[in-house]
């Protein structure tokens, strides 16, 4: 699968939407920093928002909160919703499916490429945010959600862990986008459908009467990183996010695989 995976990455590097999503993920923290420089006050009602001008380590966590609503789902769906459908539309999928590589390898490579892109945009956001904010406000110790102060080095480690667990529900959105891309064979339908599904998950989490299922909704898993920012660490949301997101990832990936391996090559 490795040669196919490398080829999928090369195809992503040749597409404008790849750089569009990556550019947005890096631009948002820069915009946040620029606005906060010229504005008094801050987002004090969200986690770590009150400490945003005390250390550059706080900004990435604040941006994680805002981008989970629509920005990251949109960025992810741009690639995941297009990765199969575009080749169906352009007529190149037939050529790929008749090559020596089997369909399972091709599908697995596309899944891995979509997940890689998702991880890269999250990492890019975090890197740009902590760099820009540290230049403006310094790379200082971080105050956790429990009110305790941790060193800058420890805070950086908490940020890395938070980005890693945050990428897991992002992978679930990518998996759903890839599923729609495989089933619909239409990039626009897959991208819009994925974004609507992600926004529906957000809406479902705030509706009254959903308290019993709220811990298992995808939107809730975007908050799992809060567990790392408590003293001592609260592992319950982290562990829950790991197995809940595993279901959100595996089900659409497997369903998309069944569709992909049964695709009629002659009809492409």
C-alpha atoms as a PDB file:
ATOM      1  CA  UNK A   1       0.000   0.000   0.000  1.00  0.00           C
ATOM      2  CA  UNK A   2       2.945   2.359   0.639  1.00  0.00           C
ATOM      3  CA  UNK A   3       3.602   3.209  -3.042  1.00  0.00           C
ATOM      4  CA  UNK A   4      -0.112   3.910  -3.559  1.00  0.00           C
ATOM      5  CA  UNK A   5      -0.190   6.052  -0.405  1.00  0.00           C
ATOM      6  CA  UNK A   6       2.766   8.090  -1.648  1.00  0.00           C
ATOM      7  CA  UNK A   7       1.013   8.610  -4.966  1.00  0.00           C
ATOM      8  CA  UNK A   8      -2.140   9.773  -3.184  1.00  0.00           C
ATOM      9  CA  UNK A   9      -0.086  12.295  -1.207  1.00  0.00           C
ATOM     10  CA  UNK A  10       1.477  13.572  -4.412  1.00  0.00           C
ATOM     11  CA  UNK A  11      -1.977  14.043  -5.899  1.00  0.00           C
ATOM     12  CA  UNK A  12      -3.054  16.003  -2.835  1.00  0.00           C
ATOM     13  CA  UNK A  13       0.022  18.207  -3.173  1.00  0.00           C
ATOM     14  CA  UNK A  14      -1.022  19.014  -6.741  1.00  0.00           C
ATOM     15  CA  UNK A  15      -4.515  20.198  -5.787  1.00  0.00           C
ATOM     16  CA  UNK A  16      -5.419  23.797  -4.930  1.00  0.00           C
ATOM     17  CA  UNK A  17      -7.990  22.806  -2.311  1.00  0.00           C
ATOM     18  CA  UNK A  18      -5.229  21.165  -0.286  1.00  0.00           C
ATOM     19  CA  UNK A  19      -3.413  24.468   0.067  1.00  0.00           C
ATOM     20  CA  UNK A  20      -6.671  26.357   0.550  1.00  0.00           C
ATOM     21  CA  UNK A  21      -7.528  24.300   3.616  1.00  0.00           C
ATOM     22  CA  UNK A  22      -3.984  24.412   4.932  1.00  0.00           C
ATOM     23  CA  UNK A  23      -3.848  28.167   4.391  1.00  0.00           C
ATOM     24  CA  UNK A  24      -7.099  28.715   6.296  1.00  0.00           C
ATOM     25  CA  UNK A  25      -5.897  26.592   9.209  1.00  0.00           C
ATOM     26  CA  UNK A  26      -2.803  28.790   9.515  1.00  0.00           C
ATOM     27  CA  UNK A  27      -4.563  32.085   8.803  1.00  0.00           C
ATOM     28  CA  UNK A  28      -7.157  31.774  11.570  1.00  0.00           C
ATOM     29  CA  UNK A  29      -4.673  31.907  14.499  1.00  0.00           C
ATOM     30  CA  UNK A  30      -2.846  34.793  12.804  1.00  0.00           C
ATOM     31  CA  UNK A  31      -6.123  36.690  12.510  1.00  0.00           C
ATOM     32  CA  UNK A  32      -6.888  35.961  16.162  1.00  0.00           C
ATOM     33  CA  UNK A  33      -3.487  37.309  17.193  1.00  0.00           C
ATOM     34  CA  UNK A  34      -3.834  40.419  15.043  1.00  0.00           C
ATOM     35  CA  UNK A  35      -7.316  41.217  16.401  1.00  0.00           C
ATOM     36  CA  UNK A  36      -6.280  40.696  20.017  1.00  0.00           C
ATOM     37  CA  UNK A  37      -3.307  43.041  19.606  1.00  0.00           C
ATOM     38  CA  UNK A  38      -5.591  45.931  18.696  1.00  0.00           C
ATOM     39  CA  UNK A  39      -8.533  45.015  20.921  1.00  0.00           C
ATOM     40  CA  UNK A  40      -8.933  45.122  24.679  1.00  0.00           C
ATOM     41  CA  UNK A  41     -10.541  42.244  26.503  1.00  0.00           C
ATOM     42  CA  UNK A  42     -10.804  38.772  25.127  1.00  0.00           C
ATOM     43  CA  UNK A  43     -12.844  35.580  24.915  1.00  0.00           C
ATOM     44  CA  UNK A  44     -13.028  35.147  28.696  1.00  0.00           C
ATOM     45  CA  UNK A  45     -16.047  32.845  28.553  1.00  0.00           C
ATOM     46  CA  UNK A  46     -14.244  29.961  26.846  1.00  0.00           C
ATOM     47  CA  UNK A  47     -11.548  27.617  28.208  1.00  0.00           C
ATOM     48  CA  UNK A  48      -8.205  29.419  28.762  1.00  0.00           C
ATOM     49  CA  UNK A  49      -9.544  32.562  27.083  1.00  0.00           C
ATOM     50  CA  UNK A  50      -8.753  34.732  30.111  1.00  0.00           C
ATOM     51  CA  UNK A  51      -5.070  33.771  29.923  1.00  0.00           C
ATOM     52  CA  UNK A  52      -4.657  34.470  26.229  1.00  0.00           C
ATOM     53  CA  UNK A  53      -2.439  37.532  26.790  1.00  0.00           C
ATOM     54  CA  UNK A  54      -0.345  35.899  29.511  1.00  0.00           C
ATOM     55  CA  UNK A  55       1.294  33.213  27.392  1.00  0.00           C
ATOM     56  CA  UNK A  56       1.459  32.174  23.763  1.00  0.00           C
ATOM     57  CA  UNK A  57       0.455  28.669  24.801  1.00  0.00           C
ATOM     58  CA  UNK A  58      -3.138  29.720  25.474  1.00  0.00           C
ATOM     59  CA  UNK A  59      -4.052  30.815  21.945  1.00  0.00           C
ATOM     60  CA  UNK A  60      -3.963  27.357  20.285  1.00  0.00           C
ATOM     61  CA  UNK A  61      -6.507  26.044  22.794  1.00  0.00           C
ATOM     62  CA  UNK A  62      -8.809  29.012  22.203  1.00  0.00           C
ATOM     63  CA  UNK A  63      -8.589  28.531  18.423  1.00  0.00           C
ATOM     64  CA  UNK A  64      -9.348  24.809  18.824  1.00  0.00           C
ATOM     65  CA  UNK A  65     -12.662  25.761  20.391  1.00  0.00           C
ATOM     66  CA  UNK A  66     -13.699  28.128  17.615  1.00  0.00           C
ATOM     67  CA  UNK A  67     -12.490  26.064  14.662  1.00  0.00           C
ATOM     68  CA  UNK A  68     -14.339  22.928  15.758  1.00  0.00           C
ATOM     69  CA  UNK A  69     -17.671  24.632  14.987  1.00  0.00           C
ATOM     70  CA  UNK A  70     -17.306  24.996  11.202  1.00  0.00           C
ATOM     71  CA  UNK A  71     -13.750  25.784  10.062  1.00  0.00           C
ATOM     72  CA  UNK A  72     -12.064  22.437  10.654  1.00  0.00           C
ATOM     73  CA  UNK A  73     -15.059  20.403   9.412  1.00  0.00           C
ATOM     74  CA  UNK A  74     -15.045  22.484   6.211  1.00  0.00           C
ATOM     75  CA  UNK A  75     -11.277  22.138   5.752  1.00  0.00           C
ATOM     76  CA  UNK A  76     -11.485  18.379   6.236  1.00  0.00           C
ATOM     77  CA  UNK A  77     -14.481  17.896   3.961  1.00  0.00           C
ATOM     78  CA  UNK A  78     -12.781  19.779   1.099  1.00  0.00           C
ATOM     79  CA  UNK A  79     -10.274  16.967   0.707  1.00  0.00           C
ATOM     80  CA  UNK A  80     -12.072  13.921   2.109  1.00  0.00           C
ATOM     81  CA  UNK A  81     -15.206  14.626   0.086  1.00  0.00           C
ATOM     82  CA  UNK A  82     -13.212  14.983  -3.111  1.00  0.00           C
ATOM     83  CA  UNK A  83     -10.594  12.248  -2.862  1.00  0.00           C
ATOM     84  CA  UNK A  84     -12.678   9.551  -4.604  1.00  0.00           C
ATOM     85  CA  UNK A  85     -15.436  11.554  -6.282  1.00  0.00           C
ATOM     86  CA  UNK A  86     -13.054  13.749  -8.278  1.00  0.00           C
ATOM     87  CA  UNK A  87     -11.509  10.730  -9.945  1.00  0.00           C
ATOM     88  CA  UNK A  88     -14.941   9.339 -10.743  1.00  0.00           C
ATOM     89  CA  UNK A  89     -15.906  12.669 -12.304  1.00  0.00           C
ATOM     90  CA  UNK A  90     -12.664  12.970 -14.277  1.00  0.00           C
ATOM     91  CA  UNK A  91     -12.789   9.371 -15.473  1.00  0.00           C
ATOM     92  CA  UNK A  92      -9.410   8.487 -13.968  1.00  0.00           C
ATOM     93  CA  UNK A  93     -10.742   6.023 -11.394  1.00  0.00           C
ATOM     94  CA  UNK A  94     -11.351   3.400 -14.064  1.00  0.00           C
ATOM     95  CA  UNK A  95      -7.673   3.506 -15.014  1.00  0.00           C
ATOM     96  CA  UNK A  96      -6.587   3.209 -11.382  1.00  0.00           C
ATOM     97  CA  UNK A  97      -8.911   0.263 -10.673  1.00  0.00           C
ATOM     98  CA  UNK A  98      -7.583  -1.677 -13.666  1.00  0.00           C
ATOM     99  CA  UNK A  99      -3.943  -1.353 -12.583  1.00  0.00           C
ATOM    100  CA  UNK A 100      -2.038  -4.087 -10.779  1.00  0.00           C
ATOM    101  CA  UNK A 101      -2.909  -2.759  -7.309  1.00  0.00           C
ATOM    102  CA  UNK A 102      -6.019  -4.282  -5.773  1.00  0.00           C
ATOM    103  CA  UNK A 103      -8.945  -2.162  -4.705  1.00  0.00           C
ATOM    104  CA  UNK A 104      -8.339  -2.664  -1.016  1.00  0.00           C
ATOM    105  CA  UNK A 105      -4.858  -1.150  -1.300  1.00  0.00           C
ATOM    106  CA  UNK A 106      -6.151   1.825  -3.274  1.00  0.00           C
ATOM    107  CA  UNK A 107      -8.969   2.507  -0.827  1.00  0.00           C
ATOM    108  CA  UNK A 108      -6.680   2.132   2.194  1.00  0.00           C
ATOM    109  CA  UNK A 109      -4.209   4.564   0.637  1.00  0.00           C
ATOM    110  CA  UNK A 110      -6.949   7.138   0.089  1.00  0.00           C
ATOM    111  CA  UNK A 111      -8.097   6.748   3.697  1.00  0.00           C
ATOM    112  CA  UNK A 112      -4.527   7.157   4.960  1.00  0.00           C
ATOM    113  CA  UNK A 113      -3.976  10.215   2.744  1.00  0.00           C
ATOM    114  CA  UNK A 114      -7.190  11.873   3.992  1.00  0.00           C
ATOM    115  CA  UNK A 115      -6.229  11.195   7.614  1.00  0.00           C
ATOM    116  CA  UNK A 116      -2.711  12.494   7.015  1.00  0.00           C
ATOM    117  CA  UNK A 117      -4.069  15.734   5.611  1.00  0.00           C
ATOM    118  CA  UNK A 118      -6.388  16.082   8.603  1.00  0.00           C
ATOM    119  CA  UNK A 119      -3.517  15.644  11.059  1.00  0.00           C
ATOM    120  CA  UNK A 120      -1.338  18.103   9.153  1.00  0.00           C
ATOM    121  CA  UNK A 121      -3.907  20.929   9.210  1.00  0.00           C
ATOM    122  CA  UNK A 122      -4.429  20.500  12.961  1.00  0.00           C
ATOM    123  CA  UNK A 123      -0.672  20.493  13.568  1.00  0.00           C
ATOM    124  CA  UNK A 124      -0.210  23.514  11.304  1.00  0.00           C
ATOM    125  CA  UNK A 125      -2.825  25.482  13.214  1.00  0.00           C
ATOM    126  CA  UNK A 126      -1.254  24.656  16.558  1.00  0.00           C
ATOM    127  CA  UNK A 127       2.272  25.466  15.388  1.00  0.00           C
ATOM    128  CA  UNK A 128       1.336  28.814  13.858  1.00  0.00           C
ATOM    129  CA  UNK A 129      -0.823  29.764  16.853  1.00  0.00           C
ATOM    130  CA  UNK A 130       1.796  29.075  19.500  1.00  0.00           C
ATOM    131  CA  UNK A 131       4.534  30.745  17.441  1.00  0.00           C
ATOM    132  CA  UNK A 132       2.584  33.919  16.651  1.00  0.00           C
ATOM    133  CA  UNK A 133       1.178  34.275  20.161  1.00  0.00           C
ATOM    134  CA  UNK A 134       4.535  33.582  21.817  1.00  0.00           C
ATOM    135  CA  UNK A 135       6.167  36.316  19.732  1.00  0.00           C
ATOM    136  CA  UNK A 136       3.542  38.770  20.971  1.00  0.00           C
ATOM    137  CA  UNK A 137       2.971  37.628  24.568  1.00  0.00           C
ATOM    138  CA  UNK A 138       5.908  35.379  25.356  1.00  0.00           C
ATOM    139  CA  UNK A 139       6.435  31.665  25.841  1.00  0.00           C
ATOM    140  CA  UNK A 140       5.431  31.683  29.488  1.00  0.00           C
ATOM    141  CA  UNK A 141       3.984  29.146  31.957  1.00  0.00           C
ATOM    142  CA  UNK A 142       0.376  28.122  31.353  1.00  0.00           C
ATOM    143  CA  UNK A 143      -2.512  28.190  33.810  1.00  0.00           C
ATOM    144  CA  UNK A 144      -4.504  24.965  33.545  1.00  0.00           C
ATOM    145  CA  UNK A 145      -8.280  24.611  33.709  1.00  0.00           C
ATOM    146  CA  UNK A 146      -7.850  23.623  37.359  1.00  0.00           C
ATOM    147  CA  UNK A 147      -6.132  26.934  38.116  1.00  0.00           C
ATOM    148  CA  UNK A 148      -2.680  25.466  38.629  1.00  0.00           C
ATOM    149  CA  UNK A 149       0.379  26.770  36.803  1.00  0.00           C
ATOM    150  CA  UNK A 150       2.488  24.455  34.660  1.00  0.00           C
ATOM    151  CA  UNK A 151       5.834  25.244  33.080  1.00  0.00           C
ATOM    152  CA  UNK A 152       6.072  26.332  29.479  1.00  0.00           C
ATOM    153  CA  UNK A 153       7.693  23.038  28.516  1.00  0.00           C
ATOM    154  CA  UNK A 154       4.969  21.039  30.237  1.00  0.00           C
ATOM    155  CA  UNK A 155       2.345  23.250  28.633  1.00  0.00           C
ATOM    156  CA  UNK A 156       3.824  22.543  25.213  1.00  0.00           C
ATOM    157  CA  UNK A 157       3.548  18.829  25.921  1.00  0.00           C
ATOM    158  CA  UNK A 158      -0.091  19.277  26.937  1.00  0.00           C
ATOM    159  CA  UNK A 159      -0.688  21.144  23.690  1.00  0.00           C
ATOM    160  CA  UNK A 160       0.815  18.290  21.673  1.00  0.00           C
ATOM    161  CA  UNK A 161      -1.393  15.761  23.462  1.00  0.00           C
ATOM    162  CA  UNK A 162      -4.436  17.987  22.988  1.00  0.00           C
ATOM    163  CA  UNK A 163      -3.817  18.351  19.249  1.00  0.00           C
ATOM    164  CA  UNK A 164      -3.432  14.578  18.950  1.00  0.00           C
ATOM    165  CA  UNK A 165      -6.745  13.779  20.656  1.00  0.00           C
ATOM    166  CA  UNK A 166      -8.448  16.642  18.775  1.00  0.00           C
ATOM    167  CA  UNK A 167      -7.369  15.112  15.461  1.00  0.00           C
ATOM    168  CA  UNK A 168      -9.303  11.935  16.276  1.00  0.00           C
ATOM    169  CA  UNK A 169     -12.841  13.394  15.891  1.00  0.00           C
ATOM    170  CA  UNK A 170     -11.462  15.270  12.899  1.00  0.00           C
ATOM    171  CA  UNK A 171     -10.564  11.880  11.431  1.00  0.00           C
ATOM    172  CA  UNK A 172     -14.183  10.836  11.985  1.00  0.00           C
ATOM    173  CA  UNK A 173     -15.352  13.756   9.840  1.00  0.00           C
ATOM    174  CA  UNK A 174     -12.802  12.801   7.196  1.00  0.00           C
ATOM    175  CA  UNK A 175     -14.056   9.202   7.271  1.00  0.00           C
ATOM    176  CA  UNK A 176     -17.642  10.317   6.705  1.00  0.00           C
ATOM    177  CA  UNK A 177     -16.530  12.615   3.889  1.00  0.00           C
ATOM    178  CA  UNK A 178     -14.646   9.796   2.211  1.00  0.00           C
ATOM    179  CA  UNK A 179     -17.711   7.572   2.541  1.00  0.00           C
ATOM    180  CA  UNK A 180     -19.921  10.180   0.831  1.00  0.00           C
ATOM    181  CA  UNK A 181     -17.234  10.733  -1.799  1.00  0.00           C
ATOM    182  CA  UNK A 182     -17.269   7.017  -2.581  1.00  0.00           C
ATOM    183  CA  UNK A 183     -21.038   6.618  -2.583  1.00  0.00           C
ATOM    184  CA  UNK A 184     -22.179   9.803  -4.336  1.00  0.00           C
ATOM    185  CA  UNK A 185     -19.278  10.098  -6.824  1.00  0.00           C
ATOM    186  CA  UNK A 186     -19.944  13.830  -6.628  1.00  0.00           C
ATOM    187  CA  UNK A 187     -17.424  16.137  -4.939  1.00  0.00           C
ATOM    188  CA  UNK A 188     -19.864  18.970  -4.249  1.00  0.00           C
ATOM    189  CA  UNK A 189     -22.460  16.654  -2.732  1.00  0.00           C
ATOM    190  CA  UNK A 190     -19.848  14.918  -0.596  1.00  0.00           C
ATOM    191  CA  UNK A 191     -18.275  18.160   0.663  1.00  0.00           C
ATOM    192  CA  UNK A 192     -21.605  19.815   1.479  1.00  0.00           C
ATOM    193  CA  UNK A 193     -23.020  16.609   2.947  1.00  0.00           C
ATOM    194  CA  UNK A 194     -20.016  16.168   5.222  1.00  0.00           C
ATOM    195  CA  UNK A 195     -20.179  19.749   6.433  1.00  0.00           C
ATOM    196  CA  UNK A 196     -23.918  19.496   7.084  1.00  0.00           C
ATOM    197  CA  UNK A 197     -23.415  16.260   9.004  1.00  0.00           C
ATOM    198  CA  UNK A 198     -20.735  17.874  11.178  1.00  0.00           C
ATOM    199  CA  UNK A 199     -22.934  20.912  11.844  1.00  0.00           C
ATOM    200  CA  UNK A 200     -25.876  18.631  12.641  1.00  0.00           C
ATOM    201  CA  UNK A 201     -23.731  16.902  15.253  1.00  0.00           C
ATOM    202  CA  UNK A 202     -22.995  20.311  16.760  1.00  0.00           C
ATOM    203  CA  UNK A 203     -26.691  21.218  16.775  1.00  0.00           C
ATOM    204  CA  UNK A 204     -27.742  17.898  18.249  1.00  0.00           C
ATOM    205  CA  UNK A 205     -25.413  18.483  21.181  1.00  0.00           C
ATOM    206  CA  UNK A 206     -27.153  21.678  22.266  1.00  0.00           C
ATOM    207  CA  UNK A 207     -30.758  20.567  21.818  1.00  0.00           C
ATOM    208  CA  UNK A 208     -32.748  19.991  25.021  1.00  0.00           C
ATOM    209  CA  UNK A 209     -33.481  16.364  25.789  1.00  0.00           C
ATOM    210  CA  UNK A 210     -30.211  15.033  24.355  1.00  0.00           C
ATOM    211  CA  UNK A 211     -28.358  14.978  27.684  1.00  0.00           C
ATOM    212  CA  UNK A 212     -28.255  11.179  27.806  1.00  0.00           C
ATOM    213  CA  UNK A 213     -26.560  10.806  24.425  1.00  0.00           C
ATOM    214  CA  UNK A 214     -24.492  13.993  24.544  1.00  0.00           C
ATOM    215  CA  UNK A 215     -21.319  12.298  25.893  1.00  0.00           C
ATOM    216  CA  UNK A 216     -21.298  10.042  22.820  1.00  0.00           C
ATOM    217  CA  UNK A 217     -21.932  12.648  20.153  1.00  0.00           C
ATOM    218  CA  UNK A 218     -19.062  13.509  17.855  1.00  0.00           C
ATOM    219  CA  UNK A 219     -19.206  17.199  18.808  1.00  0.00           C
ATOM    220  CA  UNK A 220     -18.525  16.328  22.447  1.00  0.00           C
ATOM    221  CA  UNK A 221     -15.299  14.542  21.534  1.00  0.00           C
ATOM    222  CA  UNK A 222     -13.824  17.848  20.352  1.00  0.00           C
ATOM    223  CA  UNK A 223     -13.709  18.792  24.042  1.00  0.00           C
ATOM    224  CA  UNK A 224     -11.774  15.718  25.155  1.00  0.00           C
ATOM    225  CA  UNK A 225      -8.546  17.744  25.331  1.00  0.00           C
ATOM    226  CA  UNK A 226      -9.949  19.497  28.405  1.00  0.00           C
ATOM    227  CA  UNK A 227      -8.963  16.386  30.342  1.00  0.00           C
ATOM    228  CA  UNK A 228      -5.278  17.041  29.710  1.00  0.00           C
ATOM    229  CA  UNK A 229      -5.610  20.588  31.054  1.00  0.00           C
ATOM    230  CA  UNK A 230      -6.776  19.516  34.505  1.00  0.00           C
ATOM    231  CA  UNK A 231      -4.688  18.703  37.564  1.00  0.00           C
ATOM    232  CA  UNK A 232      -4.584  15.782  37.964  1.00  0.00           C
ATOM    233  CA  UNK A 233      -5.388  14.841  34.391  1.00  0.00           C
ATOM    234  CA  UNK A 234      -8.958  13.717  33.790  1.00  0.00           C
ATOM    235  CA  UNK A 235      -8.627  10.661  31.582  1.00  0.00           C
ATOM    236  CA  UNK A 236     -12.353   9.871  31.360  1.00  0.00           C
ATOM    237  CA  UNK A 237     -13.144  12.202  28.388  1.00  0.00           C
ATOM    238  CA  UNK A 238      -9.908  11.200  26.673  1.00  0.00           C
ATOM    239  CA  UNK A 239     -10.606   7.470  26.892  1.00  0.00           C
ATOM    240  CA  UNK A 240     -14.221   8.005  25.855  1.00  0.00           C
ATOM    241  CA  UNK A 241     -13.129  10.036  22.833  1.00  0.00           C
ATOM    242  CA  UNK A 242     -10.737   7.275  21.773  1.00  0.00           C
ATOM    243  CA  UNK A 243     -13.351   4.526  21.598  1.00  0.00           C
ATOM    244  CA  UNK A 244     -16.311   6.686  20.524  1.00  0.00           C
ATOM    245  CA  UNK A 245     -14.351   8.216  17.644  1.00  0.00           C
ATOM    246  CA  UNK A 246     -13.106   4.763  16.710  1.00  0.00           C
ATOM    247  CA  UNK A 247     -16.737   3.877  15.989  1.00  0.00           C
ATOM    248  CA  UNK A 248     -17.348   7.106  14.084  1.00  0.00           C
ATOM    249  CA  UNK A 249     -14.260   6.344  11.983  1.00  0.00           C
ATOM    250  CA  UNK A 250     -14.573   2.604  11.418  1.00  0.00           C
ATOM    251  CA  UNK A 251     -18.244   2.444  10.400  1.00  0.00           C
ATOM    252  CA  UNK A 252     -18.119   4.888   7.437  1.00  0.00           C
ATOM    253  CA  UNK A 253     -14.664   3.656   6.403  1.00  0.00           C
ATOM    254  CA  UNK A 254     -15.882   0.057   6.281  1.00  0.00           C
ATOM    255  CA  UNK A 255     -19.122   1.025   4.524  1.00  0.00           C
ATOM    256  CA  UNK A 256     -17.165   3.016   1.947  1.00  0.00           C
ATOM    257  CA  UNK A 257     -14.827   0.066   1.462  1.00  0.00           C
ATOM    258  CA  UNK A 258     -17.730  -2.259   0.680  1.00  0.00           C
ATOM    259  CA  UNK A 259     -18.990   0.181  -1.949  1.00  0.00           C
ATOM    260  CA  UNK A 260     -15.537   0.767  -3.412  1.00  0.00           C
ATOM    261  CA  UNK A 261     -14.573  -2.892  -3.856  1.00  0.00           C
ATOM    262  CA  UNK A 262     -17.899  -3.669  -5.527  1.00  0.00           C
ATOM    263  CA  UNK A 263     -17.770  -0.733  -7.923  1.00  0.00           C
ATOM    264  CA  UNK A 264     -18.527  -1.502 -11.547  1.00  0.00           C
ATOM    265  CA  UNK A 265     -15.342  -0.593 -13.414  1.00  0.00           C
ATOM    266  CA  UNK A 266     -17.047  -0.717 -16.783  1.00  0.00           C
ATOM    267  CA  UNK A 267     -19.519   1.902 -15.617  1.00  0.00           C
ATOM    268  CA  UNK A 268     -16.855   4.416 -14.644  1.00  0.00           C
END
